[in-house]
Structure formats: structure tokens, C-alpha cells
Amino acid sequence: MANLLTHLARGDTALSNSITGISSLASVITAPLFLSL
């Protein structure tokens, strides 16, 4: 859905995909750390 909106807004879809991937990886790493505190 985000890629479609980025494409329709004539945004940088490669940048959008990169940010989505980085945030997904960051959430997988940081969520267990915060839950263990």
C-alpha cells in the first residue's frame, strides 16, 4: 500500500522500500530488547 501511494505521489519508491526494510529490521531487533527490560 505504501509503495502504491509513493508511486502515485511520484516519490522515490526505492527509497521508500529501503526505509521500510530498515524499519522492519530495527523493530525485530529492538522489540525483544524493550520487552526484556
N, C-alpha and C. Protein backbone atom coordinates (compact mmCIF):
# COMPACT_ATOMS: atom_id res chain seq x y z
N MET A 1 0.83 -1.19 0.00
CA MET A 1 0.00 0.00 0.00
C MET A 1 0.87 1.26 0.00
N ALA A 2 1.91 1.25 0.81
CA ALA A 2 2.79 2.42 0.87
C ALA A 2 3.51 2.63 -0.45
N ASN A 3 3.89 1.53 -1.11
CA ASN A 3 4.56 1.66 -2.41
C ASN A 3 3.63 2.26 -3.44
N LEU A 4 2.37 1.89 -3.41
CA LEU A 4 1.40 2.44 -4.35
C LEU A 4 1.23 3.94 -4.13
N LEU A 5 1.09 4.34 -2.88
CA LEU A 5 0.94 5.76 -2.58
C LEU A 5 2.20 6.54 -2.96
N THR A 6 3.36 5.95 -2.72
CA THR A 6 4.61 6.61 -3.10
C THR A 6 4.68 6.77 -4.61
N HIS A 7 4.28 5.73 -5.33
CA HIS A 7 4.30 5.79 -6.80
C HIS A 7 3.32 6.84 -7.32
N LEU A 8 2.13 6.88 -6.75
CA LEU A 8 1.13 7.85 -7.18
C LEU A 8 1.55 9.28 -6.88
N ALA A 9 2.30 9.46 -5.80
CA ALA A 9 2.78 10.80 -5.44
C ALA A 9 4.07 11.15 -6.18
N ARG A 10 4.50 10.26 -7.07
CA ARG A 10 5.73 10.42 -7.84
C ARG A 10 6.94 10.54 -6.91
N GLY A 11 6.92 9.74 -5.84
CA GLY A 11 8.03 9.72 -4.90
C GLY A 11 9.08 8.71 -5.31
N ASP A 12 10.09 8.60 -4.51
CA ASP A 12 11.20 7.67 -4.76
C ASP A 12 10.84 6.32 -4.15
N THR A 13 10.39 5.39 -5.00
CA THR A 13 9.94 4.09 -4.48
C THR A 13 11.11 3.27 -3.93
N ALA A 14 12.30 3.42 -4.50
CA ALA A 14 13.45 2.69 -3.98
C ALA A 14 13.78 3.15 -2.56
N LEU A 15 13.71 4.45 -2.34
CA LEU A 15 13.96 4.98 -1.00
C LEU A 15 12.89 4.50 -0.03
N SER A 16 11.65 4.48 -0.49
CA SER A 16 10.55 4.01 0.36
C SER A 16 10.76 2.55 0.75
N ASN A 17 11.16 1.72 -0.21
CA ASN A 17 11.42 0.31 0.08
C ASN A 17 12.57 0.15 1.05
N SER A 18 13.62 0.94 0.88
CA SER A 18 14.77 0.86 1.78
C SER A 18 14.39 1.24 3.20
N ILE A 19 13.64 2.31 3.36
CA ILE A 19 13.23 2.75 4.69
C ILE A 19 12.31 1.72 5.34
N THR A 20 11.41 1.12 4.54
CA THR A 20 10.52 0.09 5.06
C THR A 20 11.31 -1.11 5.56
N GLY A 21 12.28 -1.54 4.78
CA GLY A 21 13.11 -2.68 5.17
C GLY A 21 13.92 -2.41 6.42
N ILE A 22 14.51 -1.22 6.48
CA ILE A 22 15.33 -0.87 7.65
C ILE A 22 14.47 -0.79 8.91
N SER A 23 13.30 -0.21 8.81
CA SER A 23 12.44 -0.09 9.99
C SER A 23 11.92 -1.46 10.42
N SER A 24 11.67 -2.35 9.48
CA SER A 24 11.23 -3.70 9.84
C SER A 24 12.34 -4.44 10.58
N LEU A 25 13.56 -4.35 10.07
CA LEU A 25 14.68 -5.00 10.76
C LEU A 25 14.92 -4.39 12.13
N ALA A 26 14.80 -3.09 12.22
CA ALA A 26 15.01 -2.42 13.51
C ALA A 26 13.96 -2.85 14.52
N SER A 27 12.72 -3.03 14.09
CA SER A 27 11.68 -3.44 15.03
C SER A 27 11.89 -4.87 15.50
N VAL A 28 12.38 -5.73 14.63
CA VAL A 28 12.66 -7.12 15.02
C VAL A 28 13.76 -7.16 16.07
N ILE A 29 14.72 -6.27 15.97
CA ILE A 29 15.85 -6.25 16.91
C ILE A 29 15.48 -5.54 18.20
N THR A 30 14.79 -4.41 18.11
CA THR A 30 14.57 -3.59 19.31
C THR A 30 13.37 -4.04 20.15
N ALA A 31 12.37 -4.66 19.55
CA ALA A 31 11.20 -5.07 20.33
C ALA A 31 11.57 -6.06 21.44
N PRO A 32 12.33 -7.11 21.16
CA PRO A 32 12.72 -8.00 22.27
C PRO A 32 13.57 -7.31 23.33
N LEU A 33 14.40 -6.36 22.91
CA LEU A 33 15.22 -5.64 23.88
C LEU A 33 14.36 -4.83 24.84
N PHE A 34 13.35 -4.14 24.31
CA PHE A 34 12.48 -3.34 25.17
C PHE A 34 11.60 -4.23 26.04
N LEU A 35 11.18 -5.37 25.53
CA LEU A 35 10.31 -6.25 26.31
C LEU A 35 11.07 -6.94 27.44
N SER A 36 12.39 -7.07 27.29
CA SER A 36 13.16 -7.73 28.33
C SER A 36 13.52 -6.79 29.47
N LEU A 37 13.31 -5.50 29.31
CA LEU A 37 13.65 -4.54 30.37
C LEU A 37 12.66 -4.58 31.51
